[in-house]
């Protein structure tokens, strides 16, 4: 998935939700993204993210706004902002009841509202990649009815994991009317 992001990121504004240590953001930056924005609840993970960027020769100074890092609940962050992105990556946890998050997060239950909020921040010709590690996950039909949705799991499994292709599932999601190429 990260290699795909790197290949598609040149000149684009990239958003990484549930960024963990921001390796997808790093790949986007190294692939020539105009900007990267990484959002995660954990300040610890965001510190690692910044360190990863610095180790790869990238600046993380918020003054230049090229590579931004936000410690926030992704739902709240999406609701509060207005910036638009060309490329979005969402790889949420299967379940979370973090003290920093109001309530609980369940990827099967909450993915519809999460994807809808993220699609509101996606440019009309942009692409959102949604991935998760829940083996029993099923994309809700509502998302498939509203947006162009293509499952790309087989394209995102590295050769080391070909024997266990249920390691994750991934989808390419776009606004209606775009070519699927």
C-alpha atoms as a PDB file:
ATOM      1  CA  UNK A   1       0.000   0.000   0.000  1.00  0.00           C
ATOM      2  CA  UNK A   2       2.807   2.410   0.895  1.00  0.00           C
ATOM      3  CA  UNK A   3       4.498   1.882  -2.469  1.00  0.00           C
ATOM      4  CA  UNK A   4       1.223   2.609  -4.268  1.00  0.00           C
ATOM      5  CA  UNK A   5       0.875   5.812  -2.259  1.00  0.00           C
ATOM      6  CA  UNK A   6       4.450   6.841  -3.117  1.00  0.00           C
ATOM      7  CA  UNK A   7       3.755   6.261  -6.815  1.00  0.00           C
ATOM      8  CA  UNK A   8       0.547   8.327  -6.767  1.00  0.00           C
ATOM      9  CA  UNK A   9       1.599  11.140  -4.428  1.00  0.00           C
ATOM     10  CA  UNK A  10       3.669  13.427  -6.692  1.00  0.00           C
ATOM     11  CA  UNK A  11       2.308  16.964  -6.458  1.00  0.00           C
ATOM     12  CA  UNK A  12      -0.663  15.914  -4.331  1.00  0.00           C
ATOM     13  CA  UNK A  13      -1.892  16.899  -0.891  1.00  0.00           C
ATOM     14  CA  UNK A  14      -1.918  13.707   1.191  1.00  0.00           C
ATOM     15  CA  UNK A  15      -3.906  12.942   4.357  1.00  0.00           C
ATOM     16  CA  UNK A  16      -3.078   9.950   6.580  1.00  0.00           C
ATOM     17  CA  UNK A  17      -5.688   9.110   9.239  1.00  0.00           C
ATOM     18  CA  UNK A  18      -4.774   6.781  12.110  1.00  0.00           C
ATOM     19  CA  UNK A  19      -1.229   7.412  10.958  1.00  0.00           C
ATOM     20  CA  UNK A  20       0.598   5.469  13.694  1.00  0.00           C
ATOM     21  CA  UNK A  21       4.290   6.178  12.889  1.00  0.00           C
ATOM     22  CA  UNK A  22       3.320   7.822   9.573  1.00  0.00           C
ATOM     23  CA  UNK A  23       5.147   5.458   7.233  1.00  0.00           C
ATOM     24  CA  UNK A  24       2.460   6.040   4.578  1.00  0.00           C
ATOM     25  CA  UNK A  25       2.984   9.801   4.948  1.00  0.00           C
ATOM     26  CA  UNK A  26       6.733   9.313   4.683  1.00  0.00           C
ATOM     27  CA  UNK A  27       6.302   7.331   1.459  1.00  0.00           C
ATOM     28  CA  UNK A  28       4.018  10.070   0.096  1.00  0.00           C
ATOM     29  CA  UNK A  29       6.578  12.746   1.001  1.00  0.00           C
ATOM     30  CA  UNK A  30       9.446  10.815  -0.571  1.00  0.00           C
ATOM     31  CA  UNK A  31       7.219  10.251  -3.612  1.00  0.00           C
ATOM     32  CA  UNK A  32       6.948  14.004  -4.107  1.00  0.00           C
ATOM     33  CA  UNK A  33       3.709  14.925  -2.332  1.00  0.00           C
ATOM     34  CA  UNK A  34       3.073  18.672  -2.221  1.00  0.00           C
ATOM     35  CA  UNK A  35       2.110  18.214   1.438  1.00  0.00           C
ATOM     36  CA  UNK A  36       1.396  15.504   3.989  1.00  0.00           C
ATOM     37  CA  UNK A  37      -0.914  15.626   6.985  1.00  0.00           C
ATOM     38  CA  UNK A  38      -0.753  12.844   9.587  1.00  0.00           C
ATOM     39  CA  UNK A  39      -3.425  12.465  12.270  1.00  0.00           C
ATOM     40  CA  UNK A  40      -3.219  10.073  15.226  1.00  0.00           C
ATOM     41  CA  UNK A  41      -4.405  10.145  18.847  1.00  0.00           C
ATOM     42  CA  UNK A  42      -0.976   9.263  20.211  1.00  0.00           C
ATOM     43  CA  UNK A  43       1.663  11.919  20.823  1.00  0.00           C
ATOM     44  CA  UNK A  44       4.188   9.098  21.220  1.00  0.00           C
ATOM     45  CA  UNK A  45       3.489   7.764  17.725  1.00  0.00           C
ATOM     46  CA  UNK A  46       3.558  11.272  16.286  1.00  0.00           C
ATOM     47  CA  UNK A  47       6.980  11.839  17.873  1.00  0.00           C
ATOM     48  CA  UNK A  48       8.191   8.677  16.140  1.00  0.00           C
ATOM     49  CA  UNK A  49       6.592   9.971  12.942  1.00  0.00           C
ATOM     50  CA  UNK A  50       8.549  13.205  13.092  1.00  0.00           C
ATOM     51  CA  UNK A  51      11.733  11.294  13.851  1.00  0.00           C
ATOM     52  CA  UNK A  52      11.111   9.077  10.796  1.00  0.00           C
ATOM     53  CA  UNK A  53      10.758  12.181   8.624  1.00  0.00           C
ATOM     54  CA  UNK A  54      13.951  13.739   9.989  1.00  0.00           C
ATOM     55  CA  UNK A  55      15.880  10.472   9.544  1.00  0.00           C
ATOM     56  CA  UNK A  56      14.848  10.588   5.884  1.00  0.00           C
ATOM     57  CA  UNK A  57      16.017  14.174   5.402  1.00  0.00           C
ATOM     58  CA  UNK A  58      12.606  15.863   5.575  1.00  0.00           C
ATOM     59  CA  UNK A  59      11.672  18.882   7.670  1.00  0.00           C
ATOM     60  CA  UNK A  60       8.857  18.734  10.185  1.00  0.00           C
ATOM     61  CA  UNK A  61       8.642  22.420  11.047  1.00  0.00           C
ATOM     62  CA  UNK A  62       4.955  23.393  11.221  1.00  0.00           C
ATOM     63  CA  UNK A  63       5.925  26.877  10.032  1.00  0.00           C
ATOM     64  CA  UNK A  64       6.387  25.652   6.454  1.00  0.00           C
ATOM     65  CA  UNK A  65       3.169  23.563   6.583  1.00  0.00           C
ATOM     66  CA  UNK A  66       4.519  20.986   4.124  1.00  0.00           C
ATOM     67  CA  UNK A  67       4.462  18.093   6.605  1.00  0.00           C
ATOM     68  CA  UNK A  68       1.938  18.488   9.424  1.00  0.00           C
ATOM     69  CA  UNK A  69       1.249  16.208  12.408  1.00  0.00           C
ATOM     70  CA  UNK A  70      -1.871  16.396  14.577  1.00  0.00           C
ATOM     71  CA  UNK A  71      -2.629  14.564  17.822  1.00  0.00           C
ATOM     72  CA  UNK A  72      -6.380  14.232  17.518  1.00  0.00           C
ATOM     73  CA  UNK A  73      -9.318  11.902  17.233  1.00  0.00           C
ATOM     74  CA  UNK A  74      -9.722  11.391  13.480  1.00  0.00           C
ATOM     75  CA  UNK A  75     -13.515  11.823  13.546  1.00  0.00           C
ATOM     76  CA  UNK A  76     -13.226  15.153  15.343  1.00  0.00           C
ATOM     77  CA  UNK A  77     -10.339  16.305  13.166  1.00  0.00           C
ATOM     78  CA  UNK A  78     -12.334  15.592   9.996  1.00  0.00           C
ATOM     79  CA  UNK A  79     -15.353  17.419  11.387  1.00  0.00           C
ATOM     80  CA  UNK A  80     -13.438  20.533  12.421  1.00  0.00           C
ATOM     81  CA  UNK A  81     -11.277  21.157   9.358  1.00  0.00           C
ATOM     82  CA  UNK A  82     -12.016  22.321   5.844  1.00  0.00           C
ATOM     83  CA  UNK A  83      -8.838  21.506   3.917  1.00  0.00           C
ATOM     84  CA  UNK A  84      -9.220  19.376   0.819  1.00  0.00           C
ATOM     85  CA  UNK A  85      -6.894  16.534  -0.139  1.00  0.00           C
ATOM     86  CA  UNK A  86      -6.043  14.729  -3.358  1.00  0.00           C
ATOM     87  CA  UNK A  87      -5.045  11.448  -1.741  1.00  0.00           C
ATOM     88  CA  UNK A  88      -6.279  10.043   1.584  1.00  0.00           C
ATOM     89  CA  UNK A  89      -5.199   6.880   3.392  1.00  0.00           C
ATOM     90  CA  UNK A  90      -7.232   5.444   6.270  1.00  0.00           C
ATOM     91  CA  UNK A  91      -5.980   2.383   8.151  1.00  0.00           C
ATOM     92  CA  UNK A  92      -7.969   2.407  11.400  1.00  0.00           C
ATOM     93  CA  UNK A  93      -7.654  -0.029  14.272  1.00  0.00           C
ATOM     94  CA  UNK A  94     -10.177  -2.839  14.456  1.00  0.00           C
ATOM     95  CA  UNK A  95     -11.320  -1.598  17.848  1.00  0.00           C
ATOM     96  CA  UNK A  96     -10.337   1.183  20.232  1.00  0.00           C
ATOM     97  CA  UNK A  97     -11.543   2.425  23.582  1.00  0.00           C
ATOM     98  CA  UNK A  98      -8.763   4.943  24.148  1.00  0.00           C
ATOM     99  CA  UNK A  99      -9.220   7.373  27.020  1.00  0.00           C
ATOM    100  CA  UNK A 100      -8.601  10.184  24.510  1.00  0.00           C
ATOM    101  CA  UNK A 101     -11.541   9.045  22.370  1.00  0.00           C
ATOM    102  CA  UNK A 102     -15.119   9.661  23.449  1.00  0.00           C
ATOM    103  CA  UNK A 103     -16.785   6.258  23.446  1.00  0.00           C
ATOM    104  CA  UNK A 104     -15.425   3.311  21.506  1.00  0.00           C
ATOM    105  CA  UNK A 105     -14.398   2.791  17.894  1.00  0.00           C
ATOM    106  CA  UNK A 106     -15.328  -0.382  16.027  1.00  0.00           C
ATOM    107  CA  UNK A 107     -14.193  -0.511  12.393  1.00  0.00           C
ATOM    108  CA  UNK A 108     -17.156  -2.603  11.230  1.00  0.00           C
ATOM    109  CA  UNK A 109     -19.703  -0.412  12.984  1.00  0.00           C
ATOM    110  CA  UNK A 110     -18.076   2.980  12.349  1.00  0.00           C
ATOM    111  CA  UNK A 111     -16.478   2.746   8.899  1.00  0.00           C
ATOM    112  CA  UNK A 112     -19.473   4.242   7.052  1.00  0.00           C
ATOM    113  CA  UNK A 113     -19.430   7.515   8.975  1.00  0.00           C
ATOM    114  CA  UNK A 114     -15.615   7.621   8.904  1.00  0.00           C
ATOM    115  CA  UNK A 115     -15.431   7.161   5.126  1.00  0.00           C
ATOM    116  CA  UNK A 116     -18.240   9.671   4.506  1.00  0.00           C
ATOM    117  CA  UNK A 117     -16.471  12.309   6.595  1.00  0.00           C
ATOM    118  CA  UNK A 118     -13.190  11.651   4.826  1.00  0.00           C
ATOM    119  CA  UNK A 119     -14.843  11.787   1.392  1.00  0.00           C
ATOM    120  CA  UNK A 120     -16.104  15.276   2.291  1.00  0.00           C
ATOM    121  CA  UNK A 121     -12.432  16.270   2.505  1.00  0.00           C
ATOM    122  CA  UNK A 122     -11.413  14.536  -0.750  1.00  0.00           C
ATOM    123  CA  UNK A 123     -11.127  16.605  -3.923  1.00  0.00           C
ATOM    124  CA  UNK A 124     -13.611  15.630  -6.630  1.00  0.00           C
ATOM    125  CA  UNK A 125     -10.916  13.820  -8.632  1.00  0.00           C
ATOM    126  CA  UNK A 126      -9.081  12.404  -5.626  1.00  0.00           C
ATOM    127  CA  UNK A 127      -8.618   8.892  -4.306  1.00  0.00           C
ATOM    128  CA  UNK A 128      -9.191   7.503  -0.828  1.00  0.00           C
ATOM    129  CA  UNK A 129      -7.583   4.222   0.186  1.00  0.00           C
ATOM    130  CA  UNK A 130      -9.245   2.390   3.054  1.00  0.00           C
ATOM    131  CA  UNK A 131      -7.497  -0.570   4.655  1.00  0.00           C
ATOM    132  CA  UNK A 132      -7.999  -2.553   7.829  1.00  0.00           C
ATOM    133  CA  UNK A 133      -6.824  -5.744   9.487  1.00  0.00           C
ATOM    134  CA  UNK A 134     -10.165  -7.088  10.704  1.00  0.00           C
ATOM    135  CA  UNK A 135     -10.467 -10.511   9.050  1.00  0.00           C
ATOM    136  CA  UNK A 136     -14.268 -10.495   9.162  1.00  0.00           C
ATOM    137  CA  UNK A 137     -14.670  -6.971   7.791  1.00  0.00           C
ATOM    138  CA  UNK A 138     -17.304  -6.308   5.126  1.00  0.00           C
ATOM    139  CA  UNK A 139     -17.614  -2.977   3.322  1.00  0.00           C
ATOM    140  CA  UNK A 140     -21.099  -1.610   3.912  1.00  0.00           C
ATOM    141  CA  UNK A 141     -23.368  -1.512   0.851  1.00  0.00           C
ATOM    142  CA  UNK A 142     -24.156   2.139   1.602  1.00  0.00           C
ATOM    143  CA  UNK A 143     -20.566   3.118   0.755  1.00  0.00           C
ATOM    144  CA  UNK A 144     -20.705   1.066  -2.442  1.00  0.00           C
ATOM    145  CA  UNK A 145     -23.989   2.775  -3.415  1.00  0.00           C
ATOM    146  CA  UNK A 146     -22.671   6.310  -2.865  1.00  0.00           C
ATOM    147  CA  UNK A 147     -19.102   6.094  -4.171  1.00  0.00           C
ATOM    148  CA  UNK A 148     -17.023   4.229  -6.733  1.00  0.00           C
ATOM    149  CA  UNK A 149     -15.529   1.385  -4.713  1.00  0.00           C
ATOM    150  CA  UNK A 150     -12.997  -1.166  -5.888  1.00  0.00           C
ATOM    151  CA  UNK A 151     -11.491  -3.807  -3.630  1.00  0.00           C
ATOM    152  CA  UNK A 152      -7.730  -3.885  -4.254  1.00  0.00           C
ATOM    153  CA  UNK A 153      -6.631  -6.269  -1.505  1.00  0.00           C
ATOM    154  CA  UNK A 154      -4.779  -8.655  -3.815  1.00  0.00           C
ATOM    155  CA  UNK A 155      -2.766  -5.740  -5.250  1.00  0.00           C
ATOM    156  CA  UNK A 156      -1.625  -4.637  -1.794  1.00  0.00           C
ATOM    157  CA  UNK A 157      -0.392  -7.941  -0.382  1.00  0.00           C
ATOM    158  CA  UNK A 158       3.381  -8.234  -0.560  1.00  0.00           C
ATOM    159  CA  UNK A 159       5.053 -11.445  -1.742  1.00  0.00           C
ATOM    160  CA  UNK A 160       5.959 -12.344   1.844  1.00  0.00           C
ATOM    161  CA  UNK A 161       2.251 -12.573   2.703  1.00  0.00           C
ATOM    162  CA  UNK A 162       0.846 -14.338  -0.388  1.00  0.00           C
ATOM    163  CA  UNK A 163       0.206 -17.481   1.680  1.00  0.00           C
ATOM    164  CA  UNK A 164      -1.925 -15.527   4.172  1.00  0.00           C
ATOM    165  CA  UNK A 165      -3.872 -13.056   2.062  1.00  0.00           C
ATOM    166  CA  UNK A 166      -6.265 -12.293   4.902  1.00  0.00           C
ATOM    167  CA  UNK A 167      -3.638 -10.122   6.606  1.00  0.00           C
ATOM    168  CA  UNK A 168      -5.687  -7.071   5.627  1.00  0.00           C
ATOM    169  CA  UNK A 169      -8.275  -5.839   3.148  1.00  0.00           C
ATOM    170  CA  UNK A 170      -8.039  -2.673   1.082  1.00  0.00           C
ATOM    171  CA  UNK A 171     -10.303  -0.566  -1.134  1.00  0.00           C
ATOM    172  CA  UNK A 172      -9.883   2.290  -3.571  1.00  0.00           C
ATOM    173  CA  UNK A 173     -12.753   4.761  -3.162  1.00  0.00           C
ATOM    174  CA  UNK A 174     -13.522   7.720  -5.421  1.00  0.00           C
ATOM    175  CA  UNK A 175     -16.344  10.140  -6.028  1.00  0.00           C
ATOM    176  CA  UNK A 176     -18.861   8.971  -8.672  1.00  0.00           C
ATOM    177  CA  UNK A 177     -18.161   9.630 -12.323  1.00  0.00           C
ATOM    178  CA  UNK A 178     -14.401   9.067 -12.317  1.00  0.00           C
ATOM    179  CA  UNK A 179     -12.709   6.496 -14.501  1.00  0.00           C
ATOM    180  CA  UNK A 180     -11.612   3.471 -12.526  1.00  0.00           C
ATOM    181  CA  UNK A 181      -8.173   3.362 -14.129  1.00  0.00           C
END
